[in-house]
Amino acid sequence: MKIINLGRGQGKTVRLLYASEWQDIPILCANDKQKQHLVNMARDLRLCIPEPITTSELLSNKSKERRKIEDALVDEAPMVLQSIWRSLGMTGEIKAITLTEKED
């Protein structure tokens, strides 16, 4: 797994969009607003990416076809984790996460 850790506005999502196109891997994001943002950015960059997946799509019955996808890229991982947490009926917030960068 590669971790892209940069400041706000430093190109994390753009890098993920290029990786999505090059590797033909969808991006997992927290919600529909983020999904539309990814689609719009890809269009502006003239990239052809697989359709991004929201956490609600991933967790819904409609996602059975999507679960055949073997790999995913994750945009804004803390937001994705919090969205999954809430989708499972949990209250409160995830207060901390740790990451270990392991190259494939």
Protein backbone atom coordinates (compact mmCIF):
# COMPACT_ATOMS: atom_id res chain seq x y z
CA MET A 1 0.00 0.00 0.00
CA LYS A 2 1.24 3.45 -0.84
CA ILE A 3 0.37 6.37 1.43
CA ILE A 4 0.15 9.82 -0.16
CA ASN A 5 0.52 12.25 2.74
CA LEU A 6 0.63 15.87 1.61
CA GLY A 7 -0.93 19.12 2.76
CA ARG A 8 -4.27 20.45 1.58
CA GLY A 9 -4.22 21.41 -2.08
CA GLN A 10 -0.86 19.72 -2.74
CA GLY A 11 -2.09 17.20 -5.34
CA LYS A 12 -3.09 14.07 -3.44
CA THR A 13 -6.36 13.60 -5.29
CA VAL A 14 -4.81 14.42 -8.66
CA ARG A 15 -2.19 11.72 -8.07
CA LEU A 16 -4.95 9.29 -7.14
CA LEU A 17 -6.90 10.13 -10.30
CA TYR A 18 -3.87 9.45 -12.49
CA ALA A 19 -3.27 6.17 -10.64
CA SER A 20 -6.92 5.23 -11.14
CA GLU A 21 -6.65 5.73 -14.88
CA TRP A 22 -3.25 4.06 -15.28
CA GLN A 23 -4.14 1.03 -13.17
CA ASP A 24 -7.87 0.89 -14.03
CA ILE A 25 -8.72 0.82 -10.32
CA PRO A 26 -11.78 2.63 -8.88
CA ILE A 27 -11.50 5.21 -6.12
CA LEU A 28 -13.44 4.67 -2.88
CA CYS A 29 -14.74 7.92 -1.40
CA ALA A 30 -16.97 8.93 1.51
CA ASN A 31 -20.06 10.33 -0.22
CA ASP A 32 -21.81 11.41 -3.41
CA LYS A 33 -20.41 14.96 -3.21
CA GLN A 34 -16.85 13.61 -3.19
CA LYS A 35 -17.72 11.16 -5.96
CA GLN A 36 -18.98 13.99 -8.18
CA HIS A 37 -15.87 16.03 -7.35
CA LEU A 38 -13.66 13.13 -8.48
CA VAL A 39 -15.64 12.70 -11.70
CA ASN A 40 -15.42 16.44 -12.43
CA MET A 41 -11.68 16.58 -11.71
CA ALA A 42 -11.06 13.56 -13.95
CA ARG A 43 -13.07 15.19 -16.73
CA ASP A 44 -11.12 18.46 -16.36
CA LEU A 45 -7.84 16.52 -16.52
CA ARG A 46 -9.15 14.51 -19.49
CA LEU A 47 -8.70 11.26 -17.61
CA CYS A 48 -10.79 8.15 -18.13
CA ILE A 49 -11.25 6.56 -14.72
CA PRO A 50 -13.49 3.73 -13.51
CA GLU A 51 -16.60 5.05 -11.76
CA PRO A 52 -15.73 6.01 -8.17
CA ILE A 53 -17.49 4.10 -5.37
CA THR A 54 -19.02 5.69 -2.28
CA THR A 55 -19.04 3.96 1.07
CA SER A 56 -22.85 3.73 0.96
CA GLU A 57 -22.65 2.01 -2.44
CA LEU A 58 -20.01 -0.35 -1.10
CA LEU A 59 -22.13 -1.31 1.88
CA SER A 60 -25.44 -1.57 0.02
CA ASN A 61 -26.95 -4.56 -1.70
CA LYS A 62 -26.49 -2.73 -5.01
CA SER A 63 -22.76 -3.13 -4.64
CA LYS A 64 -22.63 -6.91 -5.10
CA GLU A 65 -21.27 -6.43 -8.61
CA ARG A 66 -18.75 -3.91 -7.30
CA ARG A 67 -17.47 -6.39 -4.75
CA LYS A 68 -16.00 -8.35 -7.63
CA ILE A 69 -13.48 -5.52 -7.89
CA GLU A 70 -10.25 -6.73 -6.37
CA ASP A 71 -8.46 -3.45 -5.68
CA ALA A 72 -9.37 0.11 -4.74
CA LEU A 73 -7.72 3.45 -4.16
CA VAL A 74 -9.05 5.50 -1.22
CA ASP A 75 -9.45 9.27 -1.28
CA GLU A 76 -9.55 11.02 2.10
CA ALA A 77 -9.20 7.84 4.17
CA PRO A 78 -10.29 9.40 7.50
CA MET A 79 -13.57 10.56 5.93
CA VAL A 80 -14.10 7.13 4.37
CA LEU A 81 -13.53 5.39 7.71
CA GLN A 82 -15.89 7.80 9.50
CA SER A 83 -18.54 7.26 6.82
CA ILE A 84 -18.30 3.47 7.19
CA TRP A 85 -18.42 3.87 10.98
CA ARG A 86 -21.65 5.88 10.75
CA SER A 87 -23.15 3.54 8.12
CA LEU A 88 -22.78 0.72 10.63
CA GLY A 89 -24.89 2.69 13.12
CA MET A 90 -22.02 3.75 15.32
CA THR A 91 -22.18 7.12 17.03
CA GLY A 92 -19.40 9.51 17.80
CA GLU A 93 -16.22 9.86 15.82
CA ILE A 94 -13.10 7.88 15.13
CA LYS A 95 -10.66 9.88 17.21
CA ALA A 96 -7.32 8.61 15.86
CA ILE A 97 -5.85 6.39 13.17
CA THR A 98 -2.38 5.05 12.52
CA LEU A 99 -0.83 4.25 9.18
CA THR A 100 2.12 2.10 8.24
CA GLU A 101 3.47 2.63 4.77
CA LYS A 102 4.20 -0.71 3.17
CA GLU A 103 5.16 -0.70 -0.48
CA ASP A 104 3.76 -3.61 -2.54
